[in-house]
Amino acid sequence: MAIYTLPDLPYDFAALEPHISGKIMELHHDKHHQAYVTGANAALEGLAEARDSGNLANVNKLEKDLAFNLGGHVNHSIFWTNLSPNGGGQPEGELQAAIDEYFGSFEKFQAHFTAAATGIQGSGWAVLSWDSIGQRLIIQQLFDQQSNTAQGTIPIFQLDMWEHAFYLDYLNVKADYVKAVWNIADWQNVAQRLDVARKQTNGLLVLS
């Protein structure tokens, strides 16, 4: 039985136009995201079969497959909710205060996040994360779907920088794609994610 399933988009494919085209959204959601869901389930099935048979020779490959595909599933599941046809503007309330505290201002945050996104070598994501140990916001570059981020960080805003996310609309001009996303960023969703992350990790310590 499949463990992971493809979540529905919270809006129509064309709802984010002109910033992201309906064609990209349909391909991105129905094809790319579905492939990660299928891959994650296949890896879990392969690991279960390996345990049952006692033949664990293929575990290394299966673990890598699971990390990559489950990473893709998680990243996209967050990404869709981080965007909204009613998005844009600037954060308010606790999210605004946190961004001002940890990055100096929203404008400085935007500049930092944009540089991280456009500077990714190859495929990956720019991620605004809550560091559960340091109890602060940080920006990270996530390579591929699963590499280069610290354990214990909780993503609250993610931007897909794989070419399939923007190439049909923006070709190789990554900066224009990032600029467009600011118009559809759902800061209410990000604020909710920050609130949950803070509450769940308040007082969390590294045990020694």
N, C-alpha and C. Protein backbone atom coordinates (compact mmCIF):
# COMPACT_ATOMS: atom_id res chain seq x y z
N MET A 1 0.84 -1.19 0.00
CA MET A 1 0.00 0.00 0.00
C MET A 1 0.88 1.25 0.00
N ALA A 2 0.52 2.22 -0.83
CA ALA A 2 1.29 3.44 -0.92
C ALA A 2 1.21 4.22 0.40
N ILE A 3 2.34 4.73 0.85
CA ILE A 3 2.40 5.53 2.07
C ILE A 3 2.18 7.00 1.76
N TYR A 4 2.81 7.47 0.68
CA TYR A 4 2.75 8.88 0.32
C TYR A 4 1.81 9.06 -0.87
N THR A 5 1.08 10.17 -0.87
CA THR A 5 0.16 10.50 -1.96
C THR A 5 0.39 11.94 -2.40
N LEU A 6 0.04 12.21 -3.63
CA LEU A 6 0.20 13.56 -4.19
C LEU A 6 -0.89 14.47 -3.63
N PRO A 7 -0.51 15.56 -2.96
CA PRO A 7 -1.53 16.47 -2.44
C PRO A 7 -2.12 17.32 -3.57
N ASP A 8 -3.39 17.68 -3.42
CA ASP A 8 -4.00 18.58 -4.39
C ASP A 8 -3.40 19.98 -4.24
N LEU A 9 -3.34 20.71 -5.35
CA LEU A 9 -2.97 22.12 -5.27
C LEU A 9 -4.09 22.89 -4.58
N PRO A 10 -3.75 23.91 -3.80
CA PRO A 10 -4.80 24.70 -3.14
C PRO A 10 -5.39 25.78 -4.05
N TYR A 11 -5.10 25.72 -5.34
CA TYR A 11 -5.59 26.69 -6.32
C TYR A 11 -5.51 26.04 -7.69
N ASP A 12 -6.13 26.66 -8.70
CA ASP A 12 -6.09 26.13 -10.06
C ASP A 12 -4.70 26.29 -10.66
N PHE A 13 -4.40 25.48 -11.68
CA PHE A 13 -3.09 25.55 -12.32
C PHE A 13 -2.75 26.96 -12.78
N ALA A 14 -3.72 27.67 -13.34
CA ALA A 14 -3.47 29.00 -13.91
C ALA A 14 -3.60 30.13 -12.91
N ALA A 15 -3.85 29.80 -11.65
CA ALA A 15 -4.15 30.84 -10.66
C ALA A 15 -2.97 31.76 -10.38
N LEU A 16 -1.75 31.30 -10.62
CA LEU A 16 -0.57 32.10 -10.29
C LEU A 16 -0.07 32.92 -11.48
N GLU A 17 -0.76 32.83 -12.61
CA GLU A 17 -0.37 33.64 -13.76
C GLU A 17 -0.57 35.12 -13.45
N PRO A 18 0.24 36.02 -14.03
CA PRO A 18 1.27 35.77 -15.04
C PRO A 18 2.63 35.38 -14.45
N HIS A 19 2.71 35.21 -13.14
CA HIS A 19 4.01 35.01 -12.50
C HIS A 19 4.54 33.60 -12.73
N ILE A 20 3.66 32.60 -12.67
CA ILE A 20 4.01 31.23 -13.06
C ILE A 20 2.86 30.72 -13.92
N SER A 21 3.19 30.22 -15.10
CA SER A 21 2.15 29.82 -16.05
C SER A 21 1.44 28.54 -15.61
N GLY A 22 0.20 28.41 -16.07
CA GLY A 22 -0.56 27.21 -15.80
C GLY A 22 0.10 25.97 -16.38
N LYS A 23 0.77 26.11 -17.51
CA LYS A 23 1.45 24.97 -18.14
C LYS A 23 2.55 24.44 -17.23
N ILE A 24 3.35 25.35 -16.68
CA ILE A 24 4.41 24.92 -15.77
C ILE A 24 3.80 24.27 -14.53
N MET A 25 2.78 24.89 -13.98
CA MET A 25 2.19 24.36 -12.75
C MET A 25 1.64 22.95 -12.96
N GLU A 26 0.99 22.73 -14.09
CA GLU A 26 0.43 21.40 -14.36
C GLU A 26 1.52 20.35 -14.50
N LEU A 27 2.54 20.66 -15.28
CA LEU A 27 3.66 19.72 -15.44
C LEU A 27 4.39 19.51 -14.13
N HIS A 28 4.61 20.60 -13.42
CA HIS A 28 5.39 20.55 -12.19
C HIS A 28 4.67 19.70 -11.14
N HIS A 29 3.39 19.93 -10.99
CA HIS A 29 2.63 19.21 -9.98
C HIS A 29 2.31 17.77 -10.40
N ASP A 30 1.69 17.63 -11.56
CA ASP A 30 1.17 16.32 -11.97
C ASP A 30 2.24 15.34 -12.43
N LYS A 31 3.34 15.86 -12.95
CA LYS A 31 4.41 14.98 -13.46
C LYS A 31 5.59 14.91 -12.49
N HIS A 32 6.21 16.06 -12.21
CA HIS A 32 7.42 16.05 -11.39
C HIS A 32 7.14 15.63 -9.95
N HIS A 33 6.16 16.30 -9.32
CA HIS A 33 5.87 15.95 -7.94
C HIS A 33 5.38 14.51 -7.83
N GLN A 34 4.52 14.11 -8.76
CA GLN A 34 4.04 12.72 -8.73
C GLN A 34 5.18 11.72 -8.84
N ALA A 35 6.20 12.05 -9.63
CA ALA A 35 7.35 11.15 -9.78
C ALA A 35 8.08 10.97 -8.45
N TYR A 36 8.17 12.03 -7.64
CA TYR A 36 8.82 11.91 -6.34
C TYR A 36 7.98 11.05 -5.39
N VAL A 37 6.67 11.22 -5.43
CA VAL A 37 5.80 10.39 -4.60
C VAL A 37 5.95 8.92 -4.97
N THR A 38 5.93 8.65 -6.27
CA THR A 38 6.08 7.27 -6.74
C THR A 38 7.43 6.71 -6.34
N GLY A 39 8.48 7.51 -6.48
CA GLY A 39 9.83 7.07 -6.14
C GLY A 39 10.01 6.79 -4.66
N ALA A 40 9.40 7.63 -3.82
CA ALA A 40 9.51 7.43 -2.37
C ALA A 40 8.80 6.15 -1.96
N ASN A 41 7.62 5.91 -2.50
CA ASN A 41 6.89 4.69 -2.19
C ASN A 41 7.64 3.45 -2.67
N ALA A 42 8.25 3.54 -3.86
CA ALA A 42 9.01 2.41 -4.39
C ALA A 42 10.22 2.10 -3.50
N ALA A 43 10.88 3.15 -3.00
CA ALA A 43 12.03 2.94 -2.12
C ALA A 43 11.61 2.27 -0.82
N LEU A 44 10.49 2.72 -0.25
CA LEU A 44 10.00 2.09 0.97
C LEU A 44 9.65 0.62 0.74
N GLU A 45 9.03 0.35 -0.38
CA GLU A 45 8.68 -1.03 -0.72
C GLU A 45 9.93 -1.89 -0.88
N GLY A 46 10.94 -1.31 -1.54
CA GLY A 46 12.19 -2.04 -1.72
C GLY A 46 12.88 -2.33 -0.39
N LEU A 47 12.84 -1.38 0.53
CA LEU A 47 13.46 -1.58 1.84
C LEU A 47 12.70 -2.64 2.64
N ALA A 48 11.37 -2.64 2.53
CA ALA A 48 10.58 -3.66 3.23
C ALA A 48 10.89 -5.05 2.69
N GLU A 49 11.01 -5.15 1.37
CA GLU A 49 11.34 -6.44 0.76
C GLU A 49 12.73 -6.91 1.19
N ALA A 50 13.66 -5.96 1.29
CA ALA A 50 15.02 -6.31 1.71
C ALA A 50 15.02 -6.85 3.14
N ARG A 51 14.26 -6.20 4.01
CA ARG A 51 14.19 -6.69 5.40
C ARG A 51 13.56 -8.08 5.47
N ASP A 52 12.50 -8.25 4.73
CA ASP A 52 11.79 -9.54 4.77
C ASP A 52 12.64 -10.69 4.24
N SER A 53 13.40 -10.39 3.18
CA SER A 53 14.21 -11.45 2.56
C SER A 53 15.54 -11.67 3.27
N GLY A 54 15.95 -10.64 4.04
CA GLY A 54 17.27 -10.72 4.67
C GLY A 54 18.40 -10.34 3.74
N ASN A 55 18.07 -9.99 2.49
CA ASN A 55 19.07 -9.56 1.51
C ASN A 55 19.15 -8.04 1.54
N LEU A 56 20.12 -7.52 2.29
CA LEU A 56 20.24 -6.07 2.49
C LEU A 56 21.34 -5.45 1.65
N ALA A 57 21.77 -6.16 0.62
CA ALA A 57 22.88 -5.67 -0.20
C ALA A 57 22.55 -4.37 -0.92
N ASN A 58 21.27 -4.11 -1.17
CA ASN A 58 20.88 -2.94 -1.94
C ASN A 58 20.41 -1.78 -1.07
N VAL A 59 20.65 -1.87 0.24
CA VAL A 59 20.13 -0.87 1.16
C VAL A 59 20.71 0.52 0.88
N ASN A 60 21.99 0.60 0.58
CA ASN A 60 22.59 1.92 0.34
C ASN A 60 21.88 2.66 -0.79
N LYS A 61 21.64 1.98 -1.89
CA LYS A 61 20.94 2.61 -3.02
C LYS A 61 19.52 2.98 -2.64
N LEU A 62 18.83 2.09 -1.96
CA LEU A 62 17.44 2.35 -1.60
C LEU A 62 17.32 3.52 -0.62
N GLU A 63 18.27 3.62 0.31
CA GLU A 63 18.25 4.76 1.25
C GLU A 63 18.46 6.07 0.51
N LYS A 64 19.37 6.08 -0.46
CA LYS A 64 19.59 7.28 -1.26
C LYS A 64 18.36 7.63 -2.09
N ASP A 65 17.73 6.61 -2.65
CA ASP A 65 16.50 6.82 -3.42
C ASP A 65 15.41 7.41 -2.53
N LEU A 66 15.29 6.90 -1.31
CA LEU A 66 14.27 7.39 -0.39
C LEU A 66 14.55 8.85 -0.02
N ALA A 67 15.79 9.16 0.30
CA ALA A 67 16.14 10.53 0.69
C ALA A 67 15.82 11.52 -0.43
N PHE A 68 16.20 11.16 -1.66
CA PHE A 68 15.99 12.06 -2.79
C PHE A 68 14.50 12.24 -3.08
N ASN A 69 13.78 11.15 -3.19
CA ASN A 69 12.37 11.23 -3.58
C ASN A 69 11.48 11.76 -2.46
N LEU A 70 11.74 11.35 -1.23
CA LEU A 70 10.96 11.89 -0.13
C LEU A 70 11.26 13.37 0.05
N GLY A 71 12.53 13.75 -0.16
CA GLY A 71 12.87 15.16 -0.14
C GLY A 71 12.07 15.94 -1.17
N GLY A 72 11.98 15.40 -2.38
CA GLY A 72 11.21 16.06 -3.42
C GLY A 72 9.75 16.19 -3.05
N HIS A 73 9.20 15.17 -2.44
CA HIS A 73 7.79 15.20 -2.03
C HIS A 73 7.56 16.25 -0.94
N VAL A 74 8.40 16.26 0.07
CA VAL A 74 8.25 17.22 1.17
C VAL A 74 8.44 18.64 0.66
N ASN A 75 9.49 18.87 -0.11
CA ASN A 75 9.78 20.22 -0.60
C ASN A 75 8.62 20.79 -1.41
N HIS A 76 8.10 19.99 -2.33
CA HIS A 76 7.01 20.48 -3.16
C HIS A 76 5.73 20.67 -2.37
N SER A 77 5.47 19.80 -1.41
CA SER A 77 4.26 19.92 -0.60
C SER A 77 4.25 21.24 0.17
N ILE A 78 5.42 21.69 0.62
CA ILE A 78 5.53 22.99 1.28
C ILE A 78 5.45 24.12 0.27
N PHE A 79 6.16 23.97 -0.84
CA PHE A 79 6.25 25.00 -1.88
C PHE A 79 4.87 25.43 -2.38
N TRP A 80 4.01 24.47 -2.67
CA TRP A 80 2.68 24.82 -3.19
C TRP A 80 1.93 25.72 -2.22
N THR A 81 2.04 25.43 -0.92
CA THR A 81 1.29 26.21 0.07
C THR A 81 1.95 27.55 0.37
N ASN A 82 3.23 27.68 0.05
CA ASN A 82 3.92 28.96 0.22
C ASN A 82 3.52 29.99 -0.82
N LEU A 83 2.78 29.56 -1.84
CA LEU A 83 2.38 30.46 -2.93
C LEU A 83 0.87 30.64 -2.90
N SER A 84 0.42 31.80 -3.38
CA SER A 84 -1.01 32.07 -3.42
C SER A 84 -1.30 33.14 -4.45
N PRO A 85 -2.41 33.02 -5.19
CA PRO A 85 -2.80 34.09 -6.10
C PRO A 85 -3.10 35.39 -5.36
N ASN A 86 -3.32 35.31 -4.06
CA ASN A 86 -3.58 36.50 -3.24
C ASN A 86 -2.36 36.89 -2.42
N GLY A 87 -1.19 36.36 -2.82
CA GLY A 87 0.03 36.63 -2.07
C GLY A 87 0.68 37.95 -2.45
N GLY A 88 1.93 38.07 -2.08
CA GLY A 88 2.68 39.29 -2.36
C GLY A 88 2.74 40.21 -1.17
N GLY A 89 3.23 41.40 -1.41
CA GLY A 89 3.38 42.36 -0.32
C GLY A 89 4.51 41.97 0.61
N GLN A 90 4.34 42.34 1.88
CA GLN A 90 5.36 42.05 2.87
C GLN A 90 4.75 41.35 4.08
N PRO A 91 5.56 40.61 4.80
CA PRO A 91 5.06 39.95 6.01
C PRO A 91 4.60 40.98 7.05
N GLU A 92 3.78 40.52 7.97
CA GLU A 92 3.30 41.35 9.05
C GLU A 92 3.48 40.61 10.37
N GLY A 93 3.26 41.29 11.45
CA GLY A 93 3.22 40.67 12.77
C GLY A 93 4.52 40.00 13.19
N GLU A 94 4.38 38.79 13.76
CA GLU A 94 5.53 38.08 14.30
C GLU A 94 6.55 37.70 13.22
N LEU A 95 6.07 37.36 12.04
CA LEU A 95 6.99 37.02 10.96
C LEU A 95 7.81 38.24 10.56
N GLN A 96 7.16 39.37 10.42
CA GLN A 96 7.90 40.60 10.09
C GLN A 96 8.94 40.90 11.17
N ALA A 97 8.54 40.77 12.43
CA ALA A 97 9.47 41.05 13.52
C ALA A 97 10.66 40.10 13.50
N ALA A 98 10.40 38.82 13.21
CA ALA A 98 11.49 37.85 13.16
C ALA A 98 12.44 38.14 12.01
N ILE A 99 11.89 38.48 10.85
CA ILE A 99 12.74 38.81 9.70
C ILE A 99 13.58 40.04 9.99
N ASP A 100 12.98 41.05 10.62
CA ASP A 100 13.74 42.25 10.98
C ASP A 100 14.84 41.91 11.98
N GLU A 101 14.52 41.03 12.95
CA GLU A 101 15.51 40.68 13.98
C GLU A 101 16.70 39.93 13.41
N TYR A 102 16.43 38.95 12.53
CA TYR A 102 17.50 38.07 12.09
C TYR A 102 18.16 38.47 10.78
N PHE A 103 17.52 39.37 10.03
CA PHE A 103 18.10 39.78 8.74
C PHE A 103 18.24 41.30 8.59
N GLY A 104 17.74 42.05 9.54
CA GLY A 104 17.90 43.51 9.50
C GLY A 104 16.70 44.25 8.96
N SER A 105 16.09 43.71 7.92
CA SER A 105 14.90 44.29 7.31
C SER A 105 14.37 43.30 6.28
N PHE A 106 13.15 43.54 5.82
CA PHE A 106 12.60 42.68 4.78
C PHE A 106 13.41 42.82 3.49
N GLU A 107 13.83 44.03 3.19
CA GLU A 107 14.62 44.26 1.97
C GLU A 107 15.95 43.51 2.02
N LYS A 108 16.58 43.50 3.18
CA LYS A 108 17.84 42.75 3.31
C LYS A 108 17.60 41.25 3.23
N PHE A 109 16.50 40.81 3.82
CA PHE A 109 16.13 39.40 3.68
C PHE A 109 15.92 39.03 2.22
N GLN A 110 15.17 39.84 1.49
CA GLN A 110 14.92 39.58 0.06
C GLN A 110 16.23 39.48 -0.71
N ALA A 111 17.13 40.41 -0.45
CA ALA A 111 18.41 40.42 -1.18
C ALA A 111 19.21 39.16 -0.86
N HIS A 112 19.26 38.78 0.41
CA HIS A 112 19.99 37.58 0.83
C HIS A 112 19.36 36.33 0.21
N PHE A 113 18.03 36.22 0.32
CA PHE A 113 17.34 35.05 -0.20
C PHE A 113 17.50 34.95 -1.71
N THR A 114 17.40 36.07 -2.41
CA THR A 114 17.56 36.08 -3.87
C THR A 114 18.97 35.63 -4.26
N ALA A 115 19.98 36.13 -3.53
CA ALA A 115 21.35 35.74 -3.83
C ALA A 115 21.56 34.25 -3.60
N ALA A 116 20.95 33.72 -2.53
CA ALA A 116 21.07 32.28 -2.25
C ALA A 116 20.39 31.48 -3.35
N ALA A 117 19.21 31.94 -3.79
CA ALA A 117 18.46 31.21 -4.82
C ALA A 117 19.17 31.21 -6.16
N THR A 118 19.59 32.37 -6.60
CA THR A 118 20.21 32.48 -7.93
C THR A 118 21.64 31.95 -7.93
N GLY A 119 22.23 31.80 -6.76
CA GLY A 119 23.62 31.33 -6.67
C GLY A 119 23.76 29.83 -6.57
N ILE A 120 22.65 29.10 -6.50
CA ILE A 120 22.73 27.64 -6.40
C ILE A 120 23.40 27.07 -7.65
N GLN A 121 24.39 26.25 -7.46
CA GLN A 121 25.07 25.60 -8.57
C GLN A 121 24.33 24.29 -8.89
N GLY A 122 23.76 24.23 -10.08
CA GLY A 122 22.99 23.06 -10.45
C GLY A 122 21.56 23.21 -9.97
N SER A 123 20.99 22.12 -9.49
CA SER A 123 19.58 22.10 -9.09
C SER A 123 19.45 22.17 -7.58
N GLY A 124 18.38 22.81 -7.11
CA GLY A 124 18.18 22.89 -5.68
C GLY A 124 17.10 23.86 -5.29
N TRP A 125 17.12 24.27 -4.04
CA TRP A 125 16.10 25.13 -3.45
C TRP A 125 16.75 26.19 -2.59
N ALA A 126 16.11 27.35 -2.52
CA ALA A 126 16.43 28.33 -1.50
C ALA A 126 15.39 28.15 -0.39
N VAL A 127 15.85 28.16 0.86
CA VAL A 127 14.96 27.81 1.97
C VAL A 127 15.14 28.79 3.13
N LEU A 128 14.04 29.35 3.58
CA LEU A 128 14.01 30.08 4.85
C LEU A 128 13.60 29.07 5.91
N SER A 129 14.48 28.84 6.87
CA SER A 129 14.27 27.77 7.86
C SER A 129 14.31 28.31 9.27
N TRP A 130 13.60 27.62 10.15
CA TRP A 130 13.71 27.87 11.58
C TRP A 130 14.73 26.89 12.15
N ASP A 131 15.80 27.43 12.73
CA ASP A 131 16.83 26.61 13.36
C ASP A 131 16.37 26.26 14.76
N SER A 132 16.03 24.99 14.98
CA SER A 132 15.45 24.58 16.25
C SER A 132 16.45 24.61 17.40
N ILE A 133 17.73 24.57 17.11
CA ILE A 133 18.74 24.63 18.16
C ILE A 133 19.08 26.08 18.50
N GLY A 134 19.37 26.87 17.47
CA GLY A 134 19.69 28.28 17.69
C GLY A 134 18.47 29.14 17.95
N GLN A 135 17.26 28.58 17.69
CA GLN A 135 16.00 29.32 17.87
C GLN A 135 16.04 30.64 17.10
N ARG A 136 16.29 30.50 15.78
CA ARG A 136 16.36 31.67 14.93
C ARG A 136 16.09 31.28 13.49
N LEU A 137 15.78 32.27 12.67
CA LEU A 137 15.63 32.05 11.24
C LEU A 137 16.98 32.05 10.56
N ILE A 138 17.14 31.16 9.58
CA ILE A 138 18.33 31.15 8.74
C ILE A 138 17.91 30.88 7.30
N ILE A 139 18.75 31.26 6.36
CA ILE A 139 18.54 30.96 4.94
C ILE A 139 19.53 29.88 4.55
N GLN A 140 19.05 28.86 3.83
CA GLN A 140 19.90 27.76 3.41
C GLN A 140 19.75 27.50 1.92
N GLN A 141 20.81 26.97 1.32
CA GLN A 141 20.76 26.44 -0.04
C GLN A 141 20.63 24.92 0.07
N LEU A 142 19.55 24.40 -0.48
CA LEU A 142 19.31 22.96 -0.48
C LEU A 142 19.69 22.42 -1.85
N PHE A 143 20.68 21.54 -1.91
CA PHE A 143 21.12 20.98 -3.18
C PHE A 143 20.24 19.79 -3.56
N ASP A 144 19.93 19.69 -4.84
CA ASP A 144 19.04 18.64 -5.34
C ASP A 144 17.73 18.69 -4.55
N GLN A 145 17.36 17.61 -3.88
CA GLN A 145 16.15 17.62 -3.05
C GLN A 145 16.45 17.37 -1.57
N GLN A 146 17.73 17.09 -1.22
CA GLN A 146 17.97 16.58 0.12
C GLN A 146 19.33 16.90 0.71
N SER A 147 20.18 17.65 0.03
CA SER A 147 21.57 17.78 0.48
C SER A 147 21.92 19.21 0.90
N ASN A 148 22.81 19.33 1.90
CA ASN A 148 23.46 20.58 2.28
C ASN A 148 22.70 21.38 3.32
N THR A 149 21.66 20.84 3.93
CA THR A 149 21.00 21.55 5.02
C THR A 149 21.22 20.81 6.33
N ALA A 150 21.15 21.56 7.42
CA ALA A 150 21.45 20.99 8.73
C ALA A 150 20.25 20.25 9.30
N GLN A 151 20.52 19.18 10.03
CA GLN A 151 19.48 18.49 10.79
C GLN A 151 18.91 19.46 11.82
N GLY A 152 17.63 19.34 12.10
CA GLY A 152 17.02 20.17 13.13
C GLY A 152 16.52 21.50 12.63
N THR A 153 16.63 21.75 11.32
CA THR A 153 16.07 22.97 10.77
C THR A 153 14.73 22.65 10.12
N ILE A 154 13.78 23.56 10.26
CA ILE A 154 12.42 23.36 9.79
C ILE A 154 12.11 24.36 8.69
N PRO A 155 11.86 23.91 7.46
CA PRO A 155 11.59 24.84 6.37
C PRO A 155 10.24 25.53 6.54
N ILE A 156 10.23 26.84 6.36
CA ILE A 156 8.96 27.56 6.43
C ILE A 156 8.64 28.30 5.13
N PHE A 157 9.66 28.52 4.30
CA PHE A 157 9.43 29.13 2.98
C PHE A 157 10.47 28.57 2.03
N GLN A 158 10.01 27.94 0.94
CA GLN A 158 10.92 27.30 0.00
C GLN A 158 10.66 27.78 -1.41
N LEU A 159 11.75 27.93 -2.16
CA LEU A 159 11.64 28.31 -3.57
C LEU A 159 12.38 27.29 -4.42
N ASP A 160 11.64 26.66 -5.31
CA ASP A 160 12.19 25.63 -6.19
C ASP A 160 13.05 26.29 -7.26
N MET A 161 14.33 25.93 -7.30
CA MET A 161 15.24 26.49 -8.29
C MET A 161 15.71 25.44 -9.30
N TRP A 162 14.98 24.32 -9.38
CA TRP A 162 15.22 23.40 -10.47
C TRP A 162 14.69 24.04 -11.77
N GLU A 163 15.33 23.75 -12.89
CA GLU A 163 14.94 24.40 -14.14
C GLU A 163 13.49 24.12 -14.53
N HIS A 164 12.98 22.94 -14.16
CA HIS A 164 11.60 22.64 -14.54
C HIS A 164 10.60 23.59 -13.88
N ALA A 165 11.03 24.30 -12.83
CA ALA A 165 10.13 25.20 -12.12
C ALA A 165 9.95 26.53 -12.83
N PHE A 166 10.86 26.87 -13.73
CA PHE A 166 10.80 28.22 -14.31
C PHE A 166 11.19 28.33 -15.78
N TYR A 167 11.82 27.31 -16.35
CA TYR A 167 12.47 27.49 -17.64
C TYR A 167 11.48 27.83 -18.76
N LEU A 168 10.30 27.24 -18.76
CA LEU A 168 9.34 27.53 -19.82
C LEU A 168 8.90 28.99 -19.80
N ASP A 169 8.92 29.61 -18.64
CA ASP A 169 8.50 31.01 -18.52
C ASP A 169 9.66 31.99 -18.59
N TYR A 170 10.79 31.65 -17.97
CA TYR A 170 11.86 32.62 -17.78
C TYR A 170 13.19 32.22 -18.43
N LEU A 171 13.19 31.08 -19.14
CA LEU A 171 14.41 30.57 -19.74
C LEU A 171 15.50 30.47 -18.68
N ASN A 172 16.66 31.04 -18.92
CA ASN A 172 17.76 30.90 -17.95
C ASN A 172 17.91 32.12 -17.05
N VAL A 173 16.94 33.03 -17.05
CA VAL A 173 17.04 34.25 -16.25
C VAL A 173 16.42 33.99 -14.87
N LYS A 174 17.20 33.40 -14.01
CA LYS A 174 16.71 33.00 -12.70
C LYS A 174 16.23 34.20 -11.88
N ALA A 175 16.91 35.31 -12.01
CA ALA A 175 16.57 36.48 -11.21
C ALA A 175 15.15 36.97 -11.49
N ASP A 176 14.71 36.89 -12.74
CA ASP A 176 13.34 37.31 -13.07
C ASP A 176 12.31 36.39 -12.44
N TYR A 177 12.62 35.10 -12.40
CA TYR A 177 11.73 34.13 -11.76
C TYR A 177 11.61 34.42 -10.26
N VAL A 178 12.74 34.64 -9.60
CA VAL A 178 12.71 34.93 -8.16
C VAL A 178 11.94 36.22 -7.90
N LYS A 179 12.17 37.23 -8.73
CA LYS A 179 11.46 38.50 -8.58
C LYS A 179 9.96 38.31 -8.71
N ALA A 180 9.55 37.45 -9.65
CA ALA A 180 8.12 37.21 -9.86
C ALA A 180 7.48 36.51 -8.66
N VAL A 181 8.24 35.62 -8.02
CA VAL A 181 7.69 34.86 -6.91
C VAL A 181 7.32 35.75 -5.73
N TRP A 182 8.03 36.86 -5.56
CA TRP A 182 7.68 37.76 -4.46
C TRP A 182 6.24 38.26 -4.58
N ASN A 183 5.70 38.24 -5.79
CA ASN A 183 4.32 38.71 -6.01
C ASN A 183 3.27 37.69 -5.60
N ILE A 184 3.68 36.46 -5.39
CA ILE A 184 2.72 35.40 -5.05
C ILE A 184 3.11 34.66 -3.77
N ALA A 185 4.10 35.19 -3.05
CA ALA A 185 4.49 34.57 -1.78
C ALA A 185 3.36 34.73 -0.76
N ASP A 186 2.96 33.63 -0.14
CA ASP A 186 1.87 33.64 0.83
C ASP A 186 2.47 33.79 2.24
N TRP A 187 2.61 35.03 2.68
CA TRP A 187 3.27 35.28 3.96
C TRP A 187 2.42 34.81 5.14
N GLN A 188 1.11 34.71 4.96
CA GLN A 188 0.28 34.16 6.02
C GLN A 188 0.62 32.69 6.27
N ASN A 189 0.83 31.94 5.18
CA ASN A 189 1.22 30.54 5.31
C ASN A 189 2.59 30.43 5.98
N VAL A 190 3.51 31.28 5.57
CA VAL A 190 4.86 31.27 6.16
C VAL A 190 4.79 31.61 7.65
N ALA A 191 3.96 32.59 7.99
CA ALA A 191 3.82 32.98 9.39
C ALA A 191 3.25 31.84 10.23
N GLN A 192 2.29 31.10 9.68
CA GLN A 192 1.73 29.96 10.39
C GLN A 192 2.78 28.89 10.61
N ARG A 193 3.60 28.65 9.60
CA ARG A 193 4.67 27.65 9.71
C ARG A 193 5.70 28.08 10.77
N LEU A 194 6.02 29.36 10.80
CA LEU A 194 6.96 29.85 11.81
C LEU A 194 6.39 29.66 13.21
N ASP A 195 5.13 29.97 13.38
CA ASP A 195 4.49 29.84 14.69
C ASP A 195 4.52 28.39 15.17
N VAL A 196 4.19 27.46 14.29
CA VAL A 196 4.22 26.04 14.65
C VAL A 196 5.64 25.59 14.96
N ALA A 197 6.60 26.01 14.14
CA ALA A 197 8.00 25.60 14.35
C ALA A 197 8.51 26.09 15.70
N ARG A 198 8.20 27.33 16.02
CA ARG A 198 8.63 27.88 17.31
C ARG A 198 8.03 27.10 18.48
N LYS A 199 6.75 26.84 18.42
CA LYS A 199 6.07 26.15 19.52
C LYS A 199 6.57 24.73 19.68
N GLN A 200 6.85 24.05 18.57
CA GLN A 200 7.27 22.66 18.64
C GLN A 200 8.71 22.49 19.12
N THR A 201 9.53 23.53 18.94
CA THR A 201 10.94 23.38 19.25
C THR A 201 11.38 24.26 20.40
N ASN A 202 10.46 24.94 21.06
CA ASN A 202 10.81 25.81 22.17
C ASN A 202 11.50 25.02 23.27
N GLY A 203 12.73 25.42 23.60
CA GLY A 203 13.46 24.76 24.66
C GLY A 203 14.19 23.51 24.21
N LEU A 204 14.18 23.21 22.91
CA LEU A 204 14.87 22.02 22.43
C LEU A 204 16.38 22.19 22.58
N LEU A 205 17.01 21.18 23.16
CA LEU A 205 18.45 21.21 23.38
C LEU A 205 19.09 19.98 22.76
N VAL A 206 20.35 20.11 22.41
CA VAL A 206 21.13 18.97 21.97
C VAL A 206 21.55 18.19 23.21
N LEU A 207 21.16 16.94 23.29
CA LEU A 207 21.49 16.13 24.46
C LEU A 207 22.91 15.58 24.34
N SER A 208 23.61 15.55 25.43
CA SER A 208 24.97 15.03 25.43
C SER A 208 25.13 13.97 26.51
